[in-house]
Amino acid sequence: MLKDIKTKLELDPKSCQDMNELREQIDQLDREIVNLLALRKTYMDRAAELKKHRNLVRDDKRVVDVIKKVSEHATKNGADPKLVADLYRTMIEWSINYEFDQFDKINSEMGESA
């Protein structure tokens, strides 16, 4: 997937000749990040469908595991692990709240159709 994103970028950062070129590449990266976030949300939708009980939506052990993994990945790939961990904590908290909403919606609709 990273290879696909890199191919959508026209220039390597060192090849950018001015701020306009650099900003165009950053804008393209931002669009790709948004696309990945939208894709991630579809997995939250599916998680809400698969979980049988509301108390399964929040899994604190999973949160710790994800933060650990992304921090390690950040370190290996030259990203700031604290930044990545902070961003992921925010994203995970949003995802949990979203999944609670979806879980409740799915289960209220199932109750209405029964």
Protein backbone atom coordinates (compact mmCIF):
# COMPACT_ATOMS: atom_id res chain seq x y z
CA MET A 1 0.00 0.00 0.00
CA LEU A 2 2.84 2.41 0.82
CA LYS A 3 4.27 1.69 -2.62
CA ASP A 4 0.91 2.67 -4.16
CA ILE A 5 0.93 5.94 -2.22
CA LYS A 6 4.51 6.70 -3.21
CA THR A 7 3.67 6.17 -6.88
CA LYS A 8 0.90 8.80 -6.58
CA LEU A 9 3.46 11.35 -5.46
CA GLU A 10 5.13 13.10 -8.34
CA LEU A 11 8.31 14.11 -6.55
CA ASP A 12 10.64 12.90 -3.85
CA PRO A 13 10.95 15.58 -1.12
CA LYS A 14 14.54 16.34 -2.16
CA SER A 15 13.38 16.87 -5.75
CA CYS A 16 10.92 19.62 -4.83
CA GLN A 17 12.31 22.88 -6.14
CA ASP A 18 10.09 25.29 -4.23
CA MET A 19 7.44 25.49 -1.54
CA ASN A 20 4.59 25.16 -4.04
CA GLU A 21 5.89 21.80 -5.28
CA LEU A 22 6.49 20.66 -1.72
CA ARG A 23 3.00 21.70 -0.62
CA GLU A 24 1.43 19.93 -3.59
CA GLN A 25 3.12 16.70 -2.49
CA ILE A 26 2.04 17.20 1.12
CA ASP A 27 -1.52 17.83 -0.07
CA GLN A 28 -1.41 14.56 -2.01
CA LEU A 29 -0.16 12.73 1.09
CA ASP A 30 -2.99 14.29 3.10
CA ARG A 31 -5.53 13.03 0.57
CA GLU A 32 -4.06 9.53 0.85
CA ILE A 33 -4.16 9.69 4.66
CA VAL A 34 -7.85 10.67 4.49
CA ASN A 35 -8.51 7.77 2.10
CA LEU A 36 -6.86 5.38 4.57
CA LEU A 37 -8.90 6.83 7.45
CA ALA A 38 -12.09 6.31 5.45
CA LEU A 39 -11.06 2.71 4.78
CA ARG A 40 -10.24 2.20 8.46
CA LYS A 41 -13.74 3.42 9.36
CA THR A 42 -15.28 0.66 7.24
CA TYR A 43 -13.47 -1.84 9.46
CA MET A 44 -15.01 -0.16 12.51
CA ASP A 45 -18.42 -0.63 10.89
CA ARG A 46 -17.72 -4.32 10.46
CA ALA A 47 -16.39 -4.66 14.01
CA ALA A 48 -19.66 -3.23 15.32
CA GLU A 49 -21.53 -5.87 13.31
CA LEU A 50 -19.36 -8.75 14.52
CA LYS A 51 -19.30 -7.97 18.23
CA LYS A 52 -22.06 -9.77 20.09
CA HIS A 53 -22.01 -7.65 23.25
CA ARG A 54 -21.58 -3.94 23.84
CA ASN A 55 -18.92 -4.53 26.50
CA LEU A 56 -16.68 -5.99 23.77
CA VAL A 57 -16.44 -2.65 21.95
CA ARG A 58 -13.74 -1.25 24.24
CA ASP A 59 -10.76 -3.56 24.63
CA ASP A 60 -8.10 -1.79 26.68
CA LYS A 61 -5.54 -4.56 26.11
CA ARG A 62 -5.98 -4.10 22.36
CA VAL A 63 -5.50 -0.33 22.70
CA VAL A 64 -2.21 -0.84 24.56
CA ASP A 65 -1.09 -3.39 21.96
CA VAL A 66 -1.92 -1.11 19.01
CA ILE A 67 -0.12 1.87 20.57
CA LYS A 68 2.94 -0.29 21.23
CA LYS A 69 2.98 -1.65 17.67
CA VAL A 70 2.53 1.71 15.94
CA SER A 71 5.16 3.34 18.17
CA GLU A 72 7.65 0.61 17.27
CA HIS A 73 6.75 0.94 13.59
CA ALA A 74 7.20 4.71 13.81
CA THR A 75 10.65 4.31 15.32
CA LYS A 76 11.71 1.84 12.62
CA ASN A 77 10.47 4.13 9.84
CA GLY A 78 11.78 7.50 10.97
CA ALA A 79 8.54 8.90 12.37
CA ASP A 80 8.28 10.42 15.83
CA PRO A 81 6.91 7.63 18.07
CA LYS A 82 5.36 10.08 20.55
CA LEU A 83 3.52 11.91 17.76
CA VAL A 84 2.29 8.63 16.29
CA ALA A 85 1.20 7.31 19.70
CA ASP A 86 -0.67 10.56 20.47
CA LEU A 87 -2.40 10.56 17.08
CA TYR A 88 -3.37 6.92 17.47
CA ARG A 89 -4.75 7.43 20.97
CA THR A 90 -7.01 10.14 19.59
CA MET A 91 -8.00 8.05 16.57
CA ILE A 92 -8.64 4.95 18.69
CA GLU A 93 -10.80 6.88 21.15
CA TRP A 94 -12.81 8.29 18.22
CA SER A 95 -13.07 4.79 16.75
CA ILE A 96 -14.33 3.31 20.02
CA ASN A 97 -16.99 6.01 20.36
CA TYR A 98 -17.98 5.55 16.71
CA GLU A 99 -18.17 1.78 17.17
CA PHE A 100 -20.37 2.20 20.27
CA ASP A 101 -22.72 4.37 18.20
CA GLN A 102 -22.78 1.84 15.36
CA PHE A 103 -23.26 -1.08 17.75
CA ASP A 104 -26.20 0.68 19.41
CA LYS A 105 -27.71 1.58 16.04
CA ILE A 106 -27.42 -1.97 14.70
CA ASN A 107 -28.89 -3.48 17.84
CA SER A 108 -31.76 -0.99 18.08
CA GLU A 109 -32.64 -1.72 14.43
CA MET A 110 -32.55 -5.45 15.15
CA GLY A 111 -34.83 -4.92 18.12
CA GLU A 112 -37.26 -2.90 16.00
CA SER A 113 -37.44 -5.60 13.33
CA ALA A 114 -38.03 -8.40 15.83
